[in-house]
């Protein structure tokens, strides 16, 4: 799942010098791991947003979602974050989303769940076009998953040989 690539996102944030903290909203091995961590995360999330605002920083909550109930749990997290004054990013990592977009009621629920997100990120240009096709607006960005650590060294050595490199955006990330 998304846990495999989160270390790549954390490494990118650290490399860019961002101040961030991870507030887990799911834990696969905990009893009630889909609900208890989610409920438990709300107070630390609001506290982190308030700390950031007191330090005159723009809080940004960046949430990674899979499918099904995860999608709607994280929409609630983003709603709490927006109401607390944070900008919000929802990054979708599930191929099952396509099935939801193919049926009227689930498609409507997905569109509602996307409302708290200032920006919606997807893994490929195909997904961006798929969401545009069902009425999700221009808040869409493509951000592919980072490479696993064993392949990262190979990619970095190849980019040095070819002169390639990636640009980074500047945001403060409080919650993943």
Foldseek 3Di string as FASTA:
>chain_A
DCVQQVVVVVVVCVVVPADEDAQDLADVPDVVRNHPSLVVRLVVLLVLCVVCVVVVAAEEAEEEAEDDPRLQSVLVSLVSNVVSRHAYEYEYDYPCVLVLCVDDPSVVVNVVSCVSHQAYEYADVVVVVSNVVSPDDPSYDHDHGDDRPVCVVVVVVVCVVVVDDDDDDDHHYYYD
